[in-house]
Amino acid sequence: MRRRLEAWKCANGHLALQHDPVCASCGAPLHELYIAPEATLELVTTVRVNPSGEPFQLGIAVTRSGRARTICRVEGAVRALGNDRVLLERRGDMIIAHGRK
């Protein structure tokens, strides 16, 4: 069985990966759906100064359909060239991007 990623969509077609009561783009109510977890990292940066003291990577990922963009934590090997293919996963309220081989 193929994994799916929980998302929310309004009647106007705006897609979000974070759950809010209404669409951030138009204010319409959102309904839940599931999308393919494939995405592309557009940007990756390393956060070096943080409370844990351990550096970690954050990125901006765009879903395969190109309709949803989100900030995510990046785990695993990525080239960070702006076109890395990743798989998205939800852990609580956080979106995690894993490098694809």
Protein backbone atom coordinates (compact mmCIF):
# COMPACT_ATOMS: atom_id res chain seq x y z
CA MET A 1 0.00 0.00 0.00
CA ARG A 2 1.31 3.38 -0.99
CA ARG A 3 1.61 6.05 1.68
CA ARG A 4 -0.45 9.20 1.40
CA LEU A 5 -0.05 12.60 3.06
CA GLU A 6 -2.90 14.35 4.84
CA ALA A 7 -3.75 17.74 3.31
CA TRP A 8 -6.64 20.22 3.26
CA LYS A 9 -8.35 21.85 0.29
CA CYS A 10 -10.94 24.61 -0.09
CA ALA A 11 -13.73 24.82 -2.68
CA ASN A 12 -11.59 27.29 -4.67
CA GLY A 13 -8.84 24.67 -5.15
CA HIS A 14 -6.21 26.04 -2.74
CA LEU A 15 -4.26 23.23 -1.09
CA ALA A 16 -2.58 23.38 2.34
CA LEU A 17 -0.46 20.90 4.26
CA GLN A 18 -1.12 22.59 7.61
CA HIS A 19 -4.61 22.34 9.09
CA ASP A 20 -6.39 25.64 9.72
CA PRO A 21 -10.13 26.22 10.10
CA VAL A 22 -10.25 28.25 6.86
CA CYS A 23 -8.10 28.68 3.75
CA ALA A 24 -5.23 31.16 4.22
CA SER A 25 -5.62 32.30 0.60
CA CYS A 26 -9.36 32.97 0.37
CA GLY A 27 -11.03 32.29 3.74
CA ALA A 28 -13.19 29.39 2.48
CA PRO A 29 -13.73 26.32 4.70
CA LEU A 30 -11.24 23.48 4.25
CA HIS A 31 -11.93 19.77 3.85
CA GLU A 32 -9.48 16.94 4.42
CA LEU A 33 -8.01 14.78 1.66
CA TYR A 34 -4.92 12.68 1.06
CA ILE A 35 -2.26 13.39 -1.57
CA ALA A 36 0.86 11.65 -2.87
CA PRO A 37 3.86 12.42 -0.60
CA GLU A 38 6.28 13.11 -3.48
CA ALA A 39 7.73 16.63 -3.54
CA THR A 40 10.68 18.73 -4.68
CA LEU A 41 12.85 20.80 -2.35
CA GLU A 42 13.15 24.33 -3.72
CA LEU A 43 15.41 25.61 -0.96
CA VAL A 44 17.45 24.11 1.89
CA THR A 45 19.22 25.92 4.71
CA THR A 46 21.10 24.75 7.79
CA VAL A 47 20.04 26.09 11.18
CA ARG A 48 23.17 26.19 13.30
CA VAL A 49 22.07 28.32 16.26
CA ASN A 50 19.18 26.74 18.16
CA PRO A 51 18.38 25.57 21.70
CA SER A 52 19.57 21.99 21.08
CA GLY A 53 22.99 23.14 19.88
CA GLU A 54 22.83 20.56 17.07
CA PRO A 55 22.56 21.88 13.50
CA PHE A 56 19.60 20.72 11.40
CA GLN A 57 18.23 21.47 7.95
CA LEU A 58 15.01 23.24 6.99
CA GLY A 59 13.65 23.40 3.48
CA ILE A 60 10.79 24.60 1.34
CA ALA A 61 9.09 21.72 -0.45
CA VAL A 62 6.55 21.82 -3.27
CA THR A 63 4.24 18.85 -3.73
CA ARG A 64 4.41 16.89 -6.97
CA SER A 65 1.27 18.59 -8.25
CA GLY A 66 2.89 21.96 -7.51
CA ARG A 67 -0.22 23.06 -5.67
CA ALA A 68 1.09 23.08 -2.09
CA ARG A 69 4.28 24.59 -0.69
CA THR A 70 5.46 24.07 2.90
CA ILE A 71 8.37 24.62 5.23
CA CYS A 72 9.74 21.27 6.41
CA ARG A 73 12.55 19.70 8.35
CA VAL A 74 14.98 17.88 6.03
CA GLU A 75 16.36 14.49 7.06
CA GLY A 76 18.68 12.24 5.13
CA ALA A 77 20.97 13.02 2.26
CA VAL A 78 19.98 15.80 -0.13
CA ARG A 79 22.17 17.75 -2.52
CA ALA A 80 20.47 21.06 -1.61
CA LEU A 81 20.63 22.29 -5.20
CA GLY A 82 17.01 23.38 -5.41
CA ASN A 83 15.69 20.33 -7.22
CA ASP A 84 16.01 17.41 -4.81
CA ARG A 85 13.17 14.89 -5.01
CA VAL A 86 11.88 14.01 -1.54
CA LEU A 87 9.10 12.16 0.21
CA LEU A 88 7.07 14.10 2.78
CA GLU A 89 5.87 12.63 6.05
CA ARG A 90 3.88 14.15 8.90
CA ARG A 91 5.12 13.79 12.48
CA GLY A 92 2.61 15.49 14.72
CA ASP A 93 2.41 19.07 13.46
CA MET A 94 5.75 18.88 11.65
CA ILE A 95 6.37 17.97 7.99
CA ILE A 96 9.57 15.98 7.40
CA ALA A 97 11.24 15.67 3.98
CA HIS A 98 13.31 12.54 3.33
CA GLY A 99 15.76 12.36 0.45
CA ARG A 100 14.81 9.91 -2.31
CA LYS A 101 17.27 7.63 -4.03
